[in-house]
Amino acid sequence: MNAPLLPETASLSATLSAALVIGIGFGFALERAGLASARKLVAQFYGKDMSVLKVLFSALLVAMLGVFWLARLGWLDLSAVYVPPTFVLPQLLGGLVFGIGLVTAGLCPGTACVSAATGRIDGWVVLLGLFVGMVVTGLFLPQGASFYQSTFHGAWTLPEWLDLPYGVVVAGVVVLALVVFVVAERVERWSR
């Protein structure tokens, strides 16, 4: 369990309780923003409603800037933050499958949970599909183990990949987000 803002001596129940509270808050925010609606999620792929892109990019920025400044102020130990290892080809394939599933179902795993919690049938169907997909993947994982473990790069971060200082990458992502927000607004206006 990784909860870098809790003391290292925090019990498992304390870290799970913190995760539960954060998860409920995140789900509540998704529902209140209307992001548990498959129609709203799919509308971004037609350029009609870019709310999801803007909300998710905003969340990414808040998290990135929060981690950056908390570490700069000495309130967060970056070495305590778990960065999962990178497997380039398997993760590219996983991203492709995830994208196809998102466009097909209109929900991602998080929004499917929120949709199901609010009683929507499509959310339950997507969760059932996720469960079936996990079981099938688990059953066939030994046969694909060599591919699954291929192109290993360890804990690979964007500053390491770009060979740039952490602060420069953070500033670059902020500028990229501002450009994306402007382009998203224009796409929405153009598609109306």
Foldseek 3Di string as FASTA:
>chain_A
DFDQLDDPPDDPVVVVVVVVVVLVVVLVVCVVLVVLDLVQLLVVVVLQHCVVVLVVLVVVLVVLVVVVVCVVVVSGDPVSDDQFWDADVVVVVVVVVQVVLCNVLSDHLSSLVSNVVVPHPSSVVSVVVVVVVVVVCVVCCVVCVVSVPHRIDTRDDPCNVVVHDPVVVSVVSVVVSVVVVVVSVVSNVVSD
